[in-house]
Amino acid sequence: MVEGADIVSEGMPQTEGDGVVYYGSTSVLLLARSRGGTLPDPDLASMAALLACDPHLKLRVLRIARREACTRVQGELGPVRAEIDVRASAAGVVVLVDVVAVVHASAASGASR
């Protein structure tokens, strides 16, 4: 299900005090059948409610968001803090992951100053 998802991310590292922190978000759209996906259109609301409780889905989208964040900082992130929101939409089920992480010093050279 997640393999066929539409993924869009944004974010950037920012200088804060003596360090650099990455702020970003990743949207994972699990498409409805009418949009070429696997989720049944009439059940999108109930699927969203079920998926919001699924620890496997949460872990998979968190890994996607972390990977997306790493591509934006060109290096390694420290521990990631994330908020995950799951909701139905006209196109399917949207899983939104907001990410905050400290950027390790070796990767911080590209941060905005």
PDB file of N, CA and C in Angstrom:
ATOM      1  N   MET A   1       0.828  -1.194   0.000  1.00  0.00           N
ATOM      2  CA  MET A   1       0.000   0.000   0.000  1.00  0.00           C
ATOM      3  C   MET A   1       0.871   1.256   0.000  1.00  0.00           C
ATOM      4  N   VAL A   2       1.873   1.300   0.877  1.00  0.00           N
ATOM      5  CA  VAL A   2       2.738   2.478   0.971  1.00  0.00           C
ATOM      6  C   VAL A   2       3.664   2.574  -0.240  1.00  0.00           C
ATOM      7  N   GLU A   3       4.021   1.427  -0.817  1.00  0.00           N
ATOM      8  CA  GLU A   3       4.928   1.430  -1.968  1.00  0.00           C
ATOM      9  C   GLU A   3       4.368   2.235  -3.136  1.00  0.00           C
ATOM     10  N   GLY A   4       3.057   2.234  -3.321  1.00  0.00           N
ATOM     11  CA  GLY A   4       2.438   2.961  -4.424  1.00  0.00           C
ATOM     12  C   GLY A   4       1.965   4.347  -4.052  1.00  0.00           C
ATOM     13  N   ALA A   5       2.346   4.831  -2.878  1.00  0.00           N
ATOM     14  CA  ALA A   5       1.878   6.129  -2.399  1.00  0.00           C
ATOM     15  C   ALA A   5       2.527   7.283  -3.159  1.00  0.00           C
ATOM     16  N   ASP A   6       1.823   8.390  -3.172  1.00  0.00           N
ATOM     17  CA  ASP A   6       2.348   9.640  -3.722  1.00  0.00           C
ATOM     18  C   ASP A   6       2.972  10.387  -2.542  1.00  0.00           C
ATOM     19  N   ILE A   7       4.260  10.713  -2.652  1.00  0.00           N
ATOM     20  CA  ILE A   7       4.993  11.317  -1.540  1.00  0.00           C
ATOM     21  C   ILE A   7       5.482  12.707  -1.932  1.00  0.00           C
ATOM     22  N   VAL A   8       5.183  13.681  -1.075  1.00  0.00           N
ATOM     23  CA  VAL A   8       5.633  15.053  -1.282  1.00  0.00           C
ATOM     24  C   VAL A   8       6.220  15.540   0.040  1.00  0.00           C
ATOM     25  N   SER A   9       7.417  16.141  -0.035  1.00  0.00           N
ATOM     26  CA  SER A   9       8.080  16.631   1.177  1.00  0.00           C
ATOM     27  C   SER A   9       8.585  18.048   0.987  1.00  0.00           C
ATOM     28  N   GLU A  10       8.699  18.740   2.104  1.00  0.00           N
ATOM     29  CA  GLU A  10       9.306  20.065   2.129  1.00  0.00           C
ATOM     30  C   GLU A  10      10.002  20.228   3.458  1.00  0.00           C
ATOM     31  N   GLY A  11      10.972  21.118   3.498  1.00  0.00           N
ATOM     32  CA  GLY A  11      11.664  21.395   4.744  1.00  0.00           C
ATOM     33  C   GLY A  11      13.083  21.859   4.484  1.00  0.00           C
ATOM     34  N   MET A  12      13.690  22.375   5.569  1.00  0.00           N
ATOM     35  CA  MET A  12      15.064  22.838   5.457  1.00  0.00           C
ATOM     36  C   MET A  12      15.682  22.981   6.839  1.00  0.00           C
ATOM     37  N   PRO A  13      17.012  22.878   6.883  1.00  0.00           N
ATOM     38  CA  PRO A  13      17.703  23.100   8.155  1.00  0.00           C
ATOM     39  C   PRO A  13      17.788  24.593   8.448  1.00  0.00           C
ATOM     40  N   GLN A  14      17.719  24.925   9.736  1.00  0.00           N
ATOM     41  CA  GLN A  14      17.826  26.316  10.150  1.00  0.00           C
ATOM     42  C   GLN A  14      18.773  26.417  11.334  1.00  0.00           C
ATOM     43  N   THR A  15      19.573  27.470  11.343  1.00  0.00           N
ATOM     44  CA  THR A  15      20.495  27.698  12.434  1.00  0.00           C
ATOM     45  C   THR A  15      19.707  28.168  13.653  1.00  0.00           C
ATOM     46  N   GLU A  16      19.977  27.512  14.788  1.00  0.00           N
ATOM     47  CA  GLU A  16      19.343  27.894  16.056  1.00  0.00           C
ATOM     48  C   GLU A  16      20.408  27.846  17.143  1.00  0.00           C
ATOM     49  N   GLY A  17      20.768  29.006  17.650  1.00  0.00           N
ATOM     50  CA  GLY A  17      21.824  29.056  18.663  1.00  0.00           C
ATOM     51  C   GLY A  17      23.129  28.544  18.087  1.00  0.00           C
ATOM     52  N   ASP A  18      23.722  27.559  18.753  1.00  0.00           N
ATOM     53  CA  ASP A  18      24.999  26.997  18.313  1.00  0.00           C
ATOM     54  C   ASP A  18      24.820  25.807  17.381  1.00  0.00           C
ATOM     55  N   GLY A  19      23.606  25.455  17.053  1.00  0.00           N
ATOM     56  CA  GLY A  19      23.385  24.264  16.245  1.00  0.00           C
ATOM     57  C   GLY A  19      22.456  24.514  15.075  1.00  0.00           C
ATOM     58  N   VAL A  20      22.123  23.418  14.423  1.00  0.00           N
ATOM     59  CA  VAL A  20      21.236  23.458  13.272  1.00  0.00           C
ATOM     60  C   VAL A  20      20.117  22.451  13.508  1.00  0.00           C
ATOM     61  N   VAL A  21      18.888  22.897  13.212  1.00  0.00           N
ATOM     62  CA  VAL A  21      17.713  22.048  13.394  1.00  0.00           C
ATOM     63  C   VAL A  21      16.966  21.972  12.076  1.00  0.00           C
ATOM     64  N   TYR A  22      16.545  20.766  11.718  1.00  0.00           N
ATOM     65  CA  TYR A  22      15.746  20.562  10.504  1.00  0.00           C
ATOM     66  C   TYR A  22      14.271  20.602  10.882  1.00  0.00           C
ATOM     67  N   TYR A  23      13.493  21.369  10.103  1.00  0.00           N
ATOM     68  CA  TYR A  23      12.033  21.407  10.228  1.00  0.00           C
ATOM     69  C   TYR A  23      11.456  21.048   8.869  1.00  0.00           C
ATOM     70  N   GLY A  24      10.530  20.101   8.852  1.00  0.00           N
ATOM     71  CA  GLY A  24       9.937  19.747   7.577  1.00  0.00           C
ATOM     72  C   GLY A  24       8.678  18.918   7.737  1.00  0.00           C
ATOM     73  N   SER A  25       8.076  18.607   6.614  1.00  0.00           N
ATOM     74  CA  SER A  25       6.890  17.758   6.615  1.00  0.00           C
ATOM     75  C   SER A  25       6.899  16.890   5.366  1.00  0.00           C
ATOM     76  N   THR A  26       6.304  15.727   5.522  1.00  0.00           N
ATOM     77  CA  THR A  26       6.150  14.791   4.416  1.00  0.00           C
ATOM     78  C   THR A  26       4.695  14.366   4.369  1.00  0.00           C
ATOM     79  N   SER A  27       4.122  14.446   3.191  1.00  0.00           N
ATOM     80  CA  SER A  27       2.758  14.001   2.964  1.00  0.00           C
ATOM     81  C   SER A  27       2.800  12.707   2.171  1.00  0.00           C
ATOM     82  N   VAL A  28       2.172  11.666   2.714  1.00  0.00           N
ATOM     83  CA  VAL A  28       2.103  10.366   2.052  1.00  0.00           C
ATOM     84  C   VAL A  28       0.636  10.129   1.704  1.00  0.00           C
ATOM     85  N   LEU A  29       0.327  10.133   0.411  1.00  0.00           N
ATOM     86  CA  LEU A  29      -1.045   9.949  -0.052  1.00  0.00           C
ATOM     87  C   LEU A  29      -1.232   8.508  -0.502  1.00  0.00           C
ATOM     88  N   LEU A  30      -2.068   7.789   0.237  1.00  0.00           N
ATOM     89  CA  LEU A  30      -2.426   6.418  -0.121  1.00  0.00           C
ATOM     90  C   LEU A  30      -3.671   6.528  -1.002  1.00  0.00           C
ATOM     91  N   LEU A  31      -3.504   6.242  -2.271  1.00  0.00           N
ATOM     92  CA  LEU A  31      -4.531   6.537  -3.259  1.00  0.00           C
ATOM     93  C   LEU A  31      -5.735   5.600  -3.206  1.00  0.00           C
ATOM     94  N   ALA A  32      -6.894   6.185  -3.480  1.00  0.00           N
ATOM     95  CA  ALA A  32      -8.137   5.427  -3.628  1.00  0.00           C
ATOM     96  C   ALA A  32      -8.112   4.685  -4.969  1.00  0.00           C
ATOM     97  N   ARG A  33      -8.916   3.652  -5.086  1.00  0.00           N
ATOM     98  CA  ARG A  33      -8.980   2.889  -6.343  1.00  0.00           C
ATOM     99  C   ARG A  33      -9.313   3.779  -7.539  1.00  0.00           C
ATOM    100  N   SER A  34     -10.204   4.738  -7.344  1.00  0.00           N
ATOM    101  CA  SER A  34     -10.596   5.628  -8.449  1.00  0.00           C
ATOM    102  C   SER A  34      -9.445   6.500  -8.921  1.00  0.00           C
ATOM    103  N   ARG A  35      -8.386   6.585  -8.121  1.00  0.00           N
ATOM    104  CA  ARG A  35      -7.195   7.382  -8.468  1.00  0.00           C
ATOM    105  C   ARG A  35      -5.999   6.498  -8.798  1.00  0.00           C
ATOM    106  N   GLY A  36      -6.253   5.180  -8.975  1.00  0.00           N
ATOM    107  CA  GLY A  36      -5.171   4.272  -9.341  1.00  0.00           C
ATOM    108  C   GLY A  36      -4.534   3.547  -8.172  1.00  0.00           C
ATOM    109  N   GLY A  37      -5.095   3.697  -6.990  1.00  0.00           N
ATOM    110  CA  GLY A  37      -4.541   3.056  -5.802  1.00  0.00           C
ATOM    111  C   GLY A  37      -5.288   1.796  -5.416  1.00  0.00           C
ATOM    112  N   THR A  38      -5.159   1.428  -4.154  1.00  0.00           N
ATOM    113  CA  THR A  38      -5.749   0.180  -3.671  1.00  0.00           C
ATOM    114  C   THR A  38      -6.865   0.369  -2.653  1.00  0.00           C
ATOM    115  N   LEU A  39      -7.028   1.572  -2.112  1.00  0.00           N
ATOM    116  CA  LEU A  39      -8.040   1.775  -1.078  1.00  0.00           C
ATOM    117  C   LEU A  39      -9.430   1.895  -1.680  1.00  0.00           C
ATOM    118  N   PRO A  40     -10.409   1.178  -1.118  1.00  0.00           N
ATOM    119  CA  PRO A  40     -11.774   1.254  -1.639  1.00  0.00           C
ATOM    120  C   PRO A  40     -12.393   2.629  -1.383  1.00  0.00           C
ATOM    121  N   ASP A  41     -12.879   3.276  -2.423  1.00  0.00           N
ATOM    122  CA  ASP A  41     -13.417   4.638  -2.318  1.00  0.00           C
ATOM    123  C   ASP A  41     -14.508   4.804  -1.261  1.00  0.00           C
ATOM    124  N   PRO A  42     -15.496   3.900  -1.187  1.00  0.00           N
ATOM    125  CA  PRO A  42     -16.571   4.128  -0.209  1.00  0.00           C
ATOM    126  C   PRO A  42     -16.111   4.021   1.243  1.00  0.00           C
ATOM    127  N   ASP A  43     -14.958   3.429   1.480  1.00  0.00           N
ATOM    128  CA  ASP A  43     -14.497   3.178   2.846  1.00  0.00           C
ATOM    129  C   ASP A  43     -13.325   4.054   3.275  1.00  0.00           C
ATOM    130  N   LEU A  44     -13.086   5.166   2.605  1.00  0.00           N
ATOM    131  CA  LEU A  44     -11.900   5.980   2.911  1.00  0.00           C
ATOM    132  C   LEU A  44     -11.896   6.498   4.351  1.00  0.00           C
ATOM    133  N   ALA A  45     -13.039   6.939   4.843  1.00  0.00           N
ATOM    134  CA  ALA A  45     -13.094   7.456   6.215  1.00  0.00           C
ATOM    135  C   ALA A  45     -12.784   6.357   7.226  1.00  0.00           C
ATOM    136  N   SER A  46     -13.358   5.187   7.043  1.00  0.00           N
ATOM    137  CA  SER A  46     -13.083   4.095   7.984  1.00  0.00           C
ATOM    138  C   SER A  46     -11.652   3.584   7.828  1.00  0.00           C
ATOM    139  N   MET A  47     -11.123   3.588   6.602  1.00  0.00           N
ATOM    140  CA  MET A  47      -9.731   3.186   6.396  1.00  0.00           C
ATOM    141  C   MET A  47      -8.788   4.165   7.091  1.00  0.00           C
ATOM    142  N   ALA A  48      -9.090   5.443   7.007  1.00  0.00           N
ATOM    143  CA  ALA A  48      -8.253   6.444   7.670  1.00  0.00           C
ATOM    144  C   ALA A  48      -8.254   6.218   9.179  1.00  0.00           C
ATOM    145  N   ALA A  49      -9.418   5.930   9.747  1.00  0.00           N
ATOM    146  CA  ALA A  49      -9.510   5.683  11.188  1.00  0.00           C
ATOM    147  C   ALA A  49      -8.706   4.436  11.579  1.00  0.00           C
ATOM    148  N   LEU A  50      -8.791   3.384  10.778  1.00  0.00           N
ATOM    149  CA  LEU A  50      -8.034   2.161  11.056  1.00  0.00           C
ATOM    150  C   LEU A  50      -6.529   2.392  10.914  1.00  0.00           C
ATOM    151  N   LEU A  51      -6.141   3.057   9.835  1.00  0.00           N
ATOM    152  CA  LEU A  51      -4.718   3.289   9.585  1.00  0.00           C
ATOM    153  C   LEU A  51      -4.093   4.215  10.625  1.00  0.00           C
ATOM    154  N   ALA A  52      -4.887   5.117  11.190  1.00  0.00           N
ATOM    155  CA  ALA A  52      -4.376   6.027  12.222  1.00  0.00           C
ATOM    156  C   ALA A  52      -3.929   5.266  13.468  1.00  0.00           C
ATOM    157  N   CYS A  53      -4.422   4.052  13.650  1.00  0.00           N
ATOM    158  CA  CYS A  53      -4.073   3.224  14.816  1.00  0.00           C
ATOM    159  C   CYS A  53      -3.050   2.145  14.493  1.00  0.00           C
ATOM    160  N   ASP A  54      -2.605   2.084  13.252  1.00  0.00           N
ATOM    161  CA  ASP A  54      -1.716   1.008  12.814  1.00  0.00           C
ATOM    162  C   ASP A  54      -0.253   1.383  13.055  1.00  0.00           C
ATOM    163  N   PRO A  55       0.420   0.730  14.013  1.00  0.00           N
ATOM    164  CA  PRO A  55       1.816   1.083  14.295  1.00  0.00           C
ATOM    165  C   PRO A  55       2.752   0.774  13.130  1.00  0.00           C
ATOM    166  N   HIS A  56       2.416  -0.206  12.305  1.00  0.00           N
ATOM    167  CA  HIS A  56       3.260  -0.544  11.155  1.00  0.00           C
ATOM    168  C   HIS A  56       3.236   0.582  10.125  1.00  0.00           C
ATOM    169  N   LEU A  57       2.058   1.124   9.856  1.00  0.00           N
ATOM    170  CA  LEU A  57       1.952   2.249   8.926  1.00  0.00           C
ATOM    171  C   LEU A  57       2.711   3.454   9.474  1.00  0.00           C
ATOM    172  N   LYS A  58       2.525   3.738  10.750  1.00  0.00           N
ATOM    173  CA  LYS A  58       3.202   4.893  11.341  1.00  0.00           C
ATOM    174  C   LYS A  58       4.716   4.764  11.237  1.00  0.00           C
ATOM    175  N   LEU A  59       5.232   3.580  11.504  1.00  0.00           N
ATOM    176  CA  LEU A  59       6.675   3.366  11.400  1.00  0.00           C
ATOM    177  C   LEU A  59       7.152   3.526   9.962  1.00  0.00           C
ATOM    178  N   ARG A  60       6.405   2.985   9.001  1.00  0.00           N
ATOM    179  CA  ARG A  60       6.810   3.088   7.588  1.00  0.00           C
ATOM    180  C   ARG A  60       6.828   4.542   7.128  1.00  0.00           C
ATOM    181  N   VAL A  61       5.788   5.317   7.455  1.00  0.00           N
ATOM    182  CA  VAL A  61       5.772   6.716   7.001  1.00  0.00           C
ATOM    183  C   VAL A  61       6.802   7.551   7.745  1.00  0.00           C
ATOM    184  N   LEU A  62       7.093   7.208   8.997  1.00  0.00           N
ATOM    185  CA  LEU A  62       8.146   7.914   9.723  1.00  0.00           C
ATOM    186  C   LEU A  62       9.502   7.665   9.069  1.00  0.00           C
ATOM    187  N   ARG A  63       9.747   6.440   8.646  1.00  0.00           N
ATOM    188  CA  ARG A  63      10.999   6.132   7.940  1.00  0.00           C
ATOM    189  C   ARG A  63      11.083   6.891   6.623  1.00  0.00           C
ATOM    190  N   ILE A  64       9.968   6.990   5.917  1.00  0.00           N
ATOM    191  CA  ILE A  64       9.944   7.767   4.667  1.00  0.00           C
ATOM    192  C   ILE A  64      10.266   9.225   4.956  1.00  0.00           C
ATOM    193  N   ALA A  65       9.627   9.799   5.973  1.00  0.00           N
ATOM    194  CA  ALA A  65       9.859  11.209   6.318  1.00  0.00           C
ATOM    195  C   ALA A  65      11.307  11.450   6.732  1.00  0.00           C
ATOM    196  N   ARG A  66      11.883  10.527   7.486  1.00  0.00           N
ATOM    197  CA  ARG A  66      13.291  10.663   7.891  1.00  0.00           C
ATOM    198  C   ARG A  66      14.209  10.606   6.677  1.00  0.00           C
ATOM    199  N   ARG A  67      13.942   9.674   5.770  1.00  0.00           N
ATOM    200  CA  ARG A  67      14.756   9.570   4.553  1.00  0.00           C
ATOM    201  C   ARG A  67      14.648  10.849   3.725  1.00  0.00           C
ATOM    202  N   GLU A  68      13.437  11.380   3.597  1.00  0.00           N
ATOM    203  CA  GLU A  68      13.237  12.631   2.856  1.00  0.00           C
ATOM    204  C   GLU A  68      13.992  13.779   3.525  1.00  0.00           C
ATOM    205  N   ALA A  69      13.956  13.839   4.850  1.00  0.00           N
ATOM    206  CA  ALA A  69      14.666  14.901   5.573  1.00  0.00           C
ATOM    207  C   ALA A  69      16.168  14.781   5.358  1.00  0.00           C
ATOM    208  N   CYS A  70      16.692  13.571   5.384  1.00  0.00           N
ATOM    209  CA  CYS A  70      18.139  13.365   5.185  1.00  0.00           C
ATOM    210  C   CYS A  70      18.591  13.858   3.815  1.00  0.00           C
ATOM    211  N   THR A  71      17.744  13.725   2.807  1.00  0.00           N
ATOM    212  CA  THR A  71      18.128  14.209   1.476  1.00  0.00           C
ATOM    213  C   THR A  71      18.196  15.731   1.446  1.00  0.00           C
ATOM    214  N   ARG A  72      17.452  16.384   2.313  1.00  0.00           N
ATOM    215  CA  ARG A  72      17.443  17.843   2.332  1.00  0.00           C
ATOM    216  C   ARG A  72      18.591  18.432   3.146  1.00  0.00           C
ATOM    217  N   VAL A  73      19.143  17.677   4.083  1.00  0.00           N
ATOM    218  CA  VAL A  73      20.272  18.181   4.873  1.00  0.00           C
ATOM    219  C   VAL A  73      21.593  17.636   4.372  1.00  0.00           C
ATOM    220  N   GLN A  74      21.549  16.717   3.413  1.00  0.00           N
ATOM    221  CA  GLN A  74      22.769  16.134   2.852  1.00  0.00           C
ATOM    222  C   GLN A  74      23.647  15.537   3.941  1.00  0.00           C
ATOM    223  N   GLY A  75      23.045  14.828   4.880  1.00  0.00           N
ATOM    224  CA  GLY A  75      23.828  14.222   5.951  1.00  0.00           C
ATOM    225  C   GLY A  75      22.954  13.507   6.951  1.00  0.00           C
ATOM    226  N   GLU A  76      23.461  13.418   8.164  1.00  0.00           N
ATOM    227  CA  GLU A  76      22.789  12.655   9.218  1.00  0.00           C
ATOM    228  C   GLU A  76      21.985  13.551  10.154  1.00  0.00           C
ATOM    229  N   LEU A  77      20.861  13.024  10.567  1.00  0.00           N
ATOM    230  CA  LEU A  77      20.028  13.693  11.556  1.00  0.00           C
ATOM    231  C   LEU A  77      20.195  13.004  12.902  1.00  0.00           C
ATOM    232  N   GLY A  78      19.982  13.771  13.961  1.00  0.00           N
ATOM    233  CA  GLY A  78      19.902  13.181  15.289  1.00  0.00           C
ATOM    234  C   GLY A  78      18.531  12.541  15.450  1.00  0.00           C
ATOM    235  N   PRO A  79      18.141  12.263  16.678  1.00  0.00           N
ATOM    236  CA  PRO A  79      16.812  11.692  16.916  1.00  0.00           C
ATOM    237  C   PRO A  79      15.724  12.597  16.331  1.00  0.00           C
ATOM    238  N   VAL A  80      14.731  11.969  15.737  1.00  0.00           N
ATOM    239  CA  VAL A  80      13.645  12.696  15.070  1.00  0.00           C
ATOM    240  C   VAL A  80      12.427  12.750  15.979  1.00  0.00           C
ATOM    241  N   ARG A  81      11.878  13.947  16.126  1.00  0.00           N
ATOM    242  CA  ARG A  81      10.569  14.104  16.779  1.00  0.00           C
ATOM    243  C   ARG A  81       9.560  14.312  15.665  1.00  0.00           C
ATOM    244  N   ALA A  82       8.435  13.613  15.763  1.00  0.00           N
ATOM    245  CA  ALA A  82       7.455  13.702  14.678  1.00  0.00           C
ATOM    246  C   ALA A  82       6.035  13.667  15.212  1.00  0.00           C
ATOM    247  N   GLU A  83       5.168  14.347  14.493  1.00  0.00           N
ATOM    248  CA  GLU A  83       3.729  14.253  14.714  1.00  0.00           C
ATOM    249  C   GLU A  83       3.136  13.669  13.450  1.00  0.00           C
ATOM    250  N   ILE A  84       2.258  12.685  13.618  1.00  0.00           N
ATOM    251  CA  ILE A  84       1.661  12.004  12.473  1.00  0.00           C
ATOM    252  C   ILE A  84       0.151  12.201  12.517  1.00  0.00           C
ATOM    253  N   ASP A  85      -0.404  12.690  11.415  1.00  0.00           N
ATOM    254  CA  ASP A  85      -1.841  12.911  11.294  1.00  0.00           C
ATOM    255  C   ASP A  85      -2.358  12.104  10.108  1.00  0.00           C
ATOM    256  N   VAL A  86      -3.438  11.378  10.305  1.00  0.00           N
ATOM    257  CA  VAL A  86      -4.029  10.557   9.246  1.00  0.00           C
ATOM    258  C   VAL A  86      -5.461  11.023   9.028  1.00  0.00           C
ATOM    259  N   ARG A  87      -5.811  11.277   7.745  1.00  0.00           N
ATOM    260  CA  ARG A  87      -7.181  11.712   7.459  1.00  0.00           C
ATOM    261  C   ARG A  87      -7.582  11.292   6.052  1.00  0.00           C
ATOM    262  N   ALA A  88      -8.865  11.160   5.848  1.00  0.00           N
ATOM    263  CA  ALA A  88      -9.395  10.833   4.525  1.00  0.00           C
ATOM    264  C   ALA A  88      -9.438  12.097   3.673  1.00  0.00           C
ATOM    265  N   SER A  89      -9.250  11.919   2.374  1.00  0.00           N
ATOM    266  CA  SER A  89      -9.382  13.027   1.428  1.00  0.00           C
ATOM    267  C   SER A  89     -10.099  12.499   0.193  1.00  0.00           C
ATOM    268  N   ALA A  90     -10.402  13.362  -0.737  1.00  0.00           N
ATOM    269  CA  ALA A  90     -11.085  12.938  -1.961  1.00  0.00           C
ATOM    270  C   ALA A  90     -10.224  11.989  -2.791  1.00  0.00           C
ATOM    271  N   ALA A  91      -8.905  12.085  -2.634  1.00  0.00           N
ATOM    272  CA  ALA A  91      -7.983  11.257  -3.422  1.00  0.00           C
ATOM    273  C   ALA A  91      -7.602   9.957  -2.730  1.00  0.00           C
ATOM    274  N   GLY A  92      -7.876   9.841  -1.428  1.00  0.00           N
ATOM    275  CA  GLY A  92      -7.498   8.642  -0.682  1.00  0.00           C
ATOM    276  C   GLY A  92      -7.333   8.951   0.787  1.00  0.00           C
ATOM    277  N   VAL A  93      -6.281   8.423   1.383  1.00  0.00           N
ATOM    278  CA  VAL A  93      -5.965   8.689   2.781  1.00  0.00           C
ATOM    279  C   VAL A  93      -4.613   9.404   2.817  1.00  0.00           C
ATOM    280  N   VAL A  94      -4.592  10.556   3.484  1.00  0.00           N
ATOM    281  CA  VAL A  94      -3.373  11.356   3.596  1.00  0.00           C
ATOM    282  C   VAL A  94      -2.759  11.127   4.969  1.00  0.00           C
ATOM    283  N   VAL A  95      -1.470  10.803   4.969  1.00  0.00           N
ATOM    284  CA  VAL A  95      -0.714  10.690   6.211  1.00  0.00           C
ATOM    285  C   VAL A  95       0.313  11.815   6.187  1.00  0.00           C
ATOM    286  N   LEU A  96       0.173  12.751   7.107  1.00  0.00           N
ATOM    287  CA  LEU A  96       1.067  13.906   7.171  1.00  0.00           C
ATOM    288  C   LEU A  96       2.013  13.731   8.352  1.00  0.00           C
ATOM    289  N   VAL A  97       3.306  13.832   8.068  1.00  0.00           N
ATOM    290  CA  VAL A  97       4.327  13.670   9.099  1.00  0.00           C
ATOM    291  C   VAL A  97       5.098  14.983   9.218  1.00  0.00           C
ATOM    292  N   ASP A  98       4.986  15.641  10.377  1.00  0.00           N
ATOM    293  CA  ASP A  98       5.776  16.840  10.663  1.00  0.00           C
ATOM    294  C   ASP A  98       7.005  16.394  11.438  1.00  0.00           C
ATOM    295  N   VAL A  99       8.184  16.841  11.001  1.00  0.00           N
ATOM    296  CA  VAL A  99       9.455  16.351  11.532  1.00  0.00           C
ATOM    297  C   VAL A  99      10.300  17.506  12.062  1.00  0.00           C
ATOM    298  N   VAL A 100      10.943  17.260  13.208  1.00  0.00           N
ATOM    299  CA  VAL A 100      11.939  18.175  13.773  1.00  0.00           C
ATOM    300  C   VAL A 100      13.115  17.314  14.211  1.00  0.00           C
ATOM    301  N   ALA A 101      14.333  17.698  13.820  1.00  0.00           N
ATOM    302  CA  ALA A 101      15.513  16.926  14.211  1.00  0.00           C
ATOM    303  C   ALA A 101      16.749  17.813  14.222  1.00  0.00           C
ATOM    304  N   VAL A 102      17.623  17.562  15.172  1.00  0.00           N
ATOM    305  CA  VAL A 102      18.923  18.232  15.217  1.00  0.00           C
ATOM    306  C   VAL A 102      19.780  17.642  14.101  1.00  0.00           C
ATOM    307  N   VAL A 103      20.496  18.514  13.401  1.00  0.00           N
ATOM    308  CA  VAL A 103      21.386  18.082  12.322  1.00  0.00           C
ATOM    309  C   VAL A 103      22.792  17.921  12.899  1.00  0.00           C
ATOM    310  N   HIS A 104      23.417  16.772  12.659  1.00  0.00           N
ATOM    311  CA  HIS A 104      24.795  16.547  13.118  1.00  0.00           C
ATOM    312  C   HIS A 104      25.723  17.556  12.461  1.00  0.00           C
ATOM    313  N   ALA A 105      26.758  17.965  13.167  1.00  0.00           N
ATOM    314  CA  ALA A 105      27.666  19.021  12.726  1.00  0.00           C
ATOM    315  C   ALA A 105      28.237  18.779  11.341  1.00  0.00           C
ATOM    316  N   SER A 106      28.559  17.557  10.981  1.00  0.00           N
ATOM    317  CA  SER A 106      29.159  17.287   9.675  1.00  0.00           C
ATOM    318  C   SER A 106      28.195  17.566   8.523  1.00  0.00           C
ATOM    319  N   ALA A 107      26.899  17.562   8.816  1.00  0.00           N
ATOM    320  CA  ALA A 107      25.904  17.803   7.777  1.00  0.00           C
ATOM    321  C   ALA A 107      25.380  19.225   7.808  1.00  0.00           C
ATOM    322  N   ALA A 108      25.759  20.004   8.784  1.00  0.00           N
ATOM    323  CA  ALA A 108      25.170  21.321   8.996  1.00  0.00           C
ATOM    324  C   ALA A 108      25.744  22.398   8.100  1.00  0.00           C
ATOM    325  N   SER A 109      26.747  22.121   7.308  1.00  0.00           N
ATOM    326  CA  SER A 109      27.405  23.166   6.508  1.00  0.00           C
ATOM    327  C   SER A 109      26.486  23.810   5.489  1.00  0.00           C
ATOM    328  N   GLY A 110      25.395  23.153   5.086  1.00  0.00           N
ATOM    329  CA  GLY A 110      24.484  23.727   4.096  1.00  0.00           C
ATOM    330  C   GLY A 110      23.315  24.457   4.707  1.00  0.00           C
ATOM    331  N   ALA A 111      23.302  24.655   6.019  1.00  0.00           N
ATOM    332  CA  ALA A 111      22.174  25.291   6.682  1.00  0.00           C
ATOM    333  C   ALA A 111      22.115  26.774   6.382  1.00  0.00           C
ATOM    334  N   SER A 112      20.896  27.314   6.453  1.00  0.00           N
ATOM    335  CA  SER A 112      20.725  28.752   6.251  1.00  0.00           C
ATOM    336  C   SER A 112      21.253  29.502   7.453  1.00  0.00           C
ATOM    337  N   ARG A 113      21.876  30.618   7.220  1.00  0.00           N
ATOM    338  CA  ARG A 113      22.460  31.400   8.316  1.00  0.00           C
ATOM    339  C   ARG A 113      21.936  32.792   8.305  1.00  0.00           C
TER     340      ARG A 113
END
